[in-house]
Every structure is written in C-alpha cells, then in structure tokens.
Protein backbone atom coordinates (compact mmCIF):
# COMPACT_ATOMS: atom_id res chain seq x y z
CA UNK A 1 -10.81 -7.89 -19.91
CA UNK A 2 -7.40 -9.66 -18.43
CA UNK A 3 -5.34 -7.98 -21.22
CA UNK A 4 -7.07 -4.71 -19.67
CA UNK A 5 -6.56 -5.58 -16.40
CA UNK A 6 -2.85 -6.41 -16.41
CA UNK A 7 -2.10 -2.94 -18.31
CA UNK A 8 -4.30 -1.40 -15.27
CA UNK A 9 -1.92 -3.17 -12.54
CA UNK A 10 1.24 -2.10 -14.83
CA UNK A 11 0.03 1.49 -14.71
CA UNK A 12 -0.81 1.60 -11.11
CA UNK A 13 2.50 0.16 -10.34
CA UNK A 14 4.66 2.40 -11.92
CA UNK A 15 2.75 5.44 -9.92
CA UNK A 16 3.27 3.22 -6.42
CA UNK A 17 7.28 3.00 -7.78
CA UNK A 18 7.27 7.18 -8.46
CA UNK A 19 5.31 7.83 -5.76
CA UNK A 20 8.20 8.64 -3.30
CA UNK A 21 10.08 10.98 -5.87
CA UNK A 22 7.32 13.68 -6.03
CA UNK A 23 6.71 16.37 -3.47
CA UNK A 24 3.86 15.61 -1.23
CA UNK A 25 3.55 17.65 1.28
CA UNK A 26 3.41 21.70 2.00
CA UNK A 27 4.09 23.54 5.46
CA UNK A 28 5.44 27.34 5.79
CA UNK A 29 9.09 26.00 5.18
CA UNK A 30 8.29 25.06 1.70
CA UNK A 31 7.53 21.39 0.25
CA UNK A 32 8.97 18.36 1.25
CA UNK A 33 9.02 14.76 -0.17
CA UNK A 34 10.33 11.28 0.70
CA UNK A 35 14.04 12.15 -0.87
CA UNK A 36 14.07 15.87 1.16
CA UNK A 37 12.75 14.01 4.85
CA UNK A 38 16.15 11.94 4.62
CA UNK A 39 18.16 15.20 5.00
CA UNK A 40 15.88 16.62 7.66
CA UNK A 41 15.83 14.38 10.03
CA UNK A 42 17.22 15.57 13.64
CA UNK A 43 20.02 13.85 14.53
CA UNK A 44 18.50 13.13 18.06
CA UNK A 45 16.36 10.36 15.95
CA UNK A 46 18.15 6.94 16.80
CA UNK A 47 19.19 4.40 14.64
CA UNK A 48 16.31 2.19 14.75
CA UNK A 49 13.60 5.24 14.56
CA UNK A 50 15.52 6.36 11.58
CA UNK A 51 15.28 3.44 9.46
CA UNK A 52 11.73 2.96 10.68
CA UNK A 53 10.93 6.38 8.86
CA UNK A 54 12.93 5.61 5.69
CA UNK A 55 11.34 2.54 5.08
CA UNK A 56 8.31 3.93 5.75
CA UNK A 57 8.58 6.13 3.14
CA UNK A 58 10.22 4.38 0.54
CA UNK A 59 8.23 0.91 0.99
CA UNK A 60 5.85 1.83 -2.22
CA UNK A 61 9.18 1.49 -4.24
CA UNK A 62 9.60 -2.15 -3.07
CA UNK A 63 5.61 -2.50 -3.45
CA UNK A 64 5.77 -0.96 -7.05
CA UNK A 65 8.31 -2.65 -8.17
CA UNK A 66 6.93 -6.18 -6.97
CA UNK A 67 3.53 -5.49 -8.64
CA UNK A 68 5.61 -4.11 -11.43
CA UNK A 69 7.59 -7.74 -12.22
CA UNK A 70 4.83 -10.17 -11.07
CA UNK A 71 2.35 -8.40 -13.53
CA UNK A 72 4.50 -8.52 -16.40
CA UNK A 73 6.33 -12.17 -16.11
CA UNK A 74 3.69 -15.02 -16.90
CA UNK A 75 2.14 -16.66 -13.81
CA UNK A 76 3.31 -14.21 -11.50
CA UNK A 77 6.77 -14.57 -11.78
CA UNK A 78 9.52 -17.10 -10.69
CA UNK A 79 9.08 -18.65 -7.36
CA UNK A 80 11.18 -16.96 -5.68
CA UNK A 81 9.39 -13.38 -6.92
CA UNK A 82 6.19 -14.80 -5.43
CA UNK A 83 7.70 -15.69 -2.08
CA UNK A 84 9.67 -12.44 -1.66
CA UNK A 85 6.30 -10.53 -2.78
CA UNK A 86 4.20 -12.52 0.08
CA UNK A 87 6.94 -11.97 2.84
CA UNK A 88 6.75 -8.06 1.69
CA UNK A 89 3.11 -8.17 1.99
CA UNK A 90 3.07 -9.66 5.58
CA UNK A 91 6.07 -7.49 6.88
CA UNK A 92 4.12 -4.51 5.57
CA UNK A 93 0.80 -5.22 7.23
CA UNK A 94 2.64 -6.22 10.19
CA UNK A 95 3.87 -2.40 10.16
CA UNK A 96 0.62 -0.80 9.19
CA UNK A 97 -1.29 -2.59 11.65
CA UNK A 98 1.30 -1.87 14.37
CA UNK A 99 1.10 1.87 13.24
CA UNK A 100 -2.69 1.56 13.58
CA UNK A 101 -2.76 0.41 17.07
CA UNK A 102 -0.43 3.17 17.92
CA UNK A 103 -2.58 6.05 16.76
CA UNK A 104 -5.22 4.82 19.14
CA UNK A 105 -3.03 5.47 21.81
CA UNK A 106 -1.17 8.58 20.72
CA UNK A 107 -4.81 10.44 19.62
CA UNK A 108 -4.91 12.63 22.46
CA UNK A 109 -1.49 14.04 22.52
CA UNK A 110 -1.28 15.51 18.82
CA UNK A 111 -3.93 18.33 17.57
CA UNK A 112 -4.02 16.64 14.35
CA UNK A 113 -5.04 12.56 14.01
CA UNK A 114 -5.95 10.88 11.60
CA UNK A 115 -10.44 9.90 11.25
CA UNK A 116 -11.77 7.19 13.25
CA UNK A 117 -12.41 5.17 9.93
CA UNK A 118 -8.88 5.34 8.84
CA UNK A 119 -7.40 4.43 12.24
CA UNK A 120 -9.54 1.23 12.38
CA UNK A 121 -9.05 0.65 8.94
CA UNK A 122 -5.12 0.81 9.16
CA UNK A 123 -5.14 -2.07 12.15
CA UNK A 124 -7.81 -3.91 10.96
CA UNK A 125 -7.27 -4.24 6.79
CA UNK A 126 -3.71 -5.08 7.28
CA UNK A 127 -4.24 -8.18 9.48
CA UNK A 128 -7.39 -9.55 7.44
CA UNK A 129 -5.38 -9.27 3.98
CA UNK A 130 -2.03 -11.05 5.31
CA UNK A 131 -4.26 -13.30 7.10
CA UNK A 132 -6.05 -14.48 3.99
CA UNK A 133 -2.88 -14.42 2.18
CA UNK A 134 -1.32 -16.80 4.11
CA UNK A 135 -4.13 -19.12 4.48
CA UNK A 136 -4.20 -19.19 0.92
CA UNK A 137 -0.43 -20.11 0.46
CA UNK A 138 -0.74 -22.72 3.33
CA UNK A 139 -3.78 -24.26 1.69
CA UNK A 140 -2.63 -24.28 -2.29
CA UNK A 141 0.99 -23.59 -1.91
CA UNK A 142 3.00 -21.88 -4.08
CA UNK A 143 0.32 -22.26 -6.98
CA UNK A 144 -2.08 -19.58 -4.88
CA UNK A 145 1.13 -17.18 -4.81
CA UNK A 146 1.00 -13.80 -7.16
CA UNK A 147 -2.32 -14.02 -8.40
CA UNK A 148 -4.98 -11.27 -8.43
CA UNK A 149 -5.90 -11.46 -4.89
CA UNK A 150 -2.23 -11.06 -4.11
CA UNK A 151 -1.77 -7.84 -6.27
CA UNK A 152 -5.01 -6.45 -4.87
CA UNK A 153 -3.96 -7.04 -1.06
CA UNK A 154 -0.88 -5.06 -1.57
CA UNK A 155 -2.51 -2.27 -3.53
CA UNK A 156 -4.87 -2.08 -1.06
CA UNK A 157 -2.14 -1.95 1.77
CA UNK A 158 -0.16 0.93 -0.37
CA UNK A 159 -3.73 3.01 -0.60
CA UNK A 160 -3.92 2.78 3.33
CA UNK A 161 -0.25 3.79 3.36
CA UNK A 162 -1.14 6.58 0.88
CA UNK A 163 -4.28 7.61 2.62
CA UNK A 164 -2.29 7.77 6.12
CA UNK A 165 0.46 10.39 4.81
CA UNK A 166 -2.30 12.21 3.13
CA UNK A 167 -4.12 12.63 6.06
CA UNK A 168 -1.75 13.13 9.05
CA UNK A 169 1.24 11.35 8.36
CA UNK A 170 3.65 14.09 7.18
CA UNK A 171 2.31 16.28 10.19
CA UNK A 172 3.70 13.53 12.34
CA UNK A 173 6.70 13.07 10.26
CA UNK A 174 7.56 16.71 10.50
CA UNK A 175 6.87 17.25 14.21
CA UNK A 176 10.48 16.34 15.50
CA UNK A 177 11.87 18.66 12.49
CA UNK A 178 9.83 21.45 14.99
CA UNK A 179 7.27 22.04 12.57
CA UNK A 180 3.65 21.92 13.71
CA UNK A 181 1.61 18.87 12.09
CA UNK A 182 -1.60 21.27 11.65
CA UNK A 183 0.40 23.62 9.05
CA UNK A 184 0.88 20.59 6.90
CA UNK A 185 -1.03 20.32 3.96
CA UNK A 186 -0.75 17.20 1.28
CA UNK A 187 0.51 18.50 -2.26
CA UNK A 188 -0.85 16.54 -5.49
CA UNK A 189 2.03 14.12 -5.23
CA UNK A 190 0.54 12.52 -2.10
CA UNK A 191 -2.34 11.36 -3.95
CA UNK A 192 -0.19 9.33 -6.49
CA UNK A 193 0.62 6.40 -4.21
CA UNK A 194 -3.17 6.32 -3.25
CA UNK A 195 -4.09 6.36 -7.14
CA UNK A 196 -1.68 3.75 -8.26
CA UNK A 197 -2.97 1.41 -5.13
CA UNK A 198 -6.41 1.56 -6.41
CA UNK A 199 -5.34 1.15 -10.31
CA UNK A 200 -3.49 -2.55 -8.72
CA UNK A 201 -6.88 -3.21 -6.95
CA UNK A 202 -9.19 -2.52 -10.00
CA UNK A 203 -6.73 -4.94 -12.22
CA UNK A 204 -6.61 -7.27 -9.63
CA UNK A 205 -10.58 -7.42 -9.49
CA UNK A 206 -10.95 -7.72 -13.63
CA UNK A 207 -8.60 -10.15 -13.56
CA UNK A 208 -10.69 -12.77 -11.55
CA UNK A 209 -12.22 -15.08 -13.40
CA UNK A 210 -15.67 -14.17 -14.70
CA UNK A 211 -18.42 -16.54 -13.32
CA UNK A 212 -20.34 -18.80 -15.67
CA UNK A 213 -23.96 -19.35 -15.44
CA UNK A 214 -24.89 -23.09 -16.13
CA UNK A 215 -27.13 -23.08 -18.89
CA UNK A 216 -29.64 -25.80 -19.62
CA UNK A 217 -29.09 -27.56 -22.47
CA UNK A 218 -31.91 -29.72 -22.48
CA UNK A 219 -34.22 -29.75 -25.34
CA UNK A 220 -37.76 -27.72 -24.47
CA UNK A 221 -40.51 -30.44 -23.96
CA UNK A 222 -43.43 -30.04 -25.57
C-alpha cells in the first residue's frame, strides 16, 4: 500500500508539473495556455500585476517539483526541502484565500463568476490547510514536515487552483486582452492539474498508517 501511495504521489506531481505546458482554454481567438499568456498580457498591466498573474500560472510547476522531490527522497527529503515546501504551502494558501475573498467582492461586476461553493472553498480551504500545517510544525518541529498531510494539503491547493482556472479563471485572465470571459471554454489540458492534485491527495491518504484494532489475546474462559 505504501509503495502504491508513493507512486500515486509521483504521478500526480508529474501531472501538476507539466500542466502549465498544455493549452488550457479555448476562445474565438484560438487556444491559450500559461506560456502563451506570458506574451498576451497588454503593456498597460503593471509589473506587480504581471508578476502576480505569471506566479499564479506557473505555481503548479513549483508545487509539482516540490512534491516530486519530497516523494522520491527518504523522509520527505532534507530539512531545507521540507521547510521550503511548508513555506510555499503557506504563501500559496494566502494567495488562494486572498483570491477567494476578492471573488466575492468582484462577483457583481462580471458575467462569469465561480460557483458559490468554489468561492467558499477557495477562501476557507487554504486557511484551514495552512493553519493545520503550521500547527503541526510548531508542535512537532521538522519531524512533522514532509509527510502525507503536507503532500495532501499541497495537492488540495493545486486542485482548487486548477478548478478555479477551469471554471472561470481563464475568462478573468483574458479580459485585459479584449476577449469576453463568457466566450472562454476550458480544454482537456485544464483538467491535468486538478487530476494531479487528486492523485497526490489519494497518495497522501493511502500513506497514512493503518489503524490497528486491539486484539484480545487472553484465553477464553470456560
């Protein structure tokens, strides 16, 4: 079971790592992906906004690299890798929670908005996951980092990130280019990241130690 869980995490990490390389959305102007978007952003978008967009698009590559390294190395890798993974998890959680809160404020200004459930998950999920990961680290130190929970938490964040992009994220990204968001449709490539996140979560769940029921070994009376 542990071997199967490890391979699930590795497969999911590879999918997450590769997802920005595929076209992910289709509009009347053709298909677009993370790499194509780097050249489509108009010049009137400031440096901070441009950096935020690019960081959001290519965050899965960093997450996939960290997950693949942690699953391939013993005990989640060296301490520096586990600390960097936790740091990335916290920053990514804060970014997604901020995105979720902004979507509530922006819901009345666009025709295409995420579902209420997804918006709630984007806001609440990252806060819960990052808070739990930080609490585990404070209580158990480095020994609690790099395990199945951290991998599952990162997989869930990538799942939420991918669902947002497939749902309406690409519509928002293409608005500054002059493409109406109601004409944007997700492609198969948009589901590679969420699928990878699901596999990582499944691997993290399967890697948990199985609970052992107490067995009464006392001889029966009689």
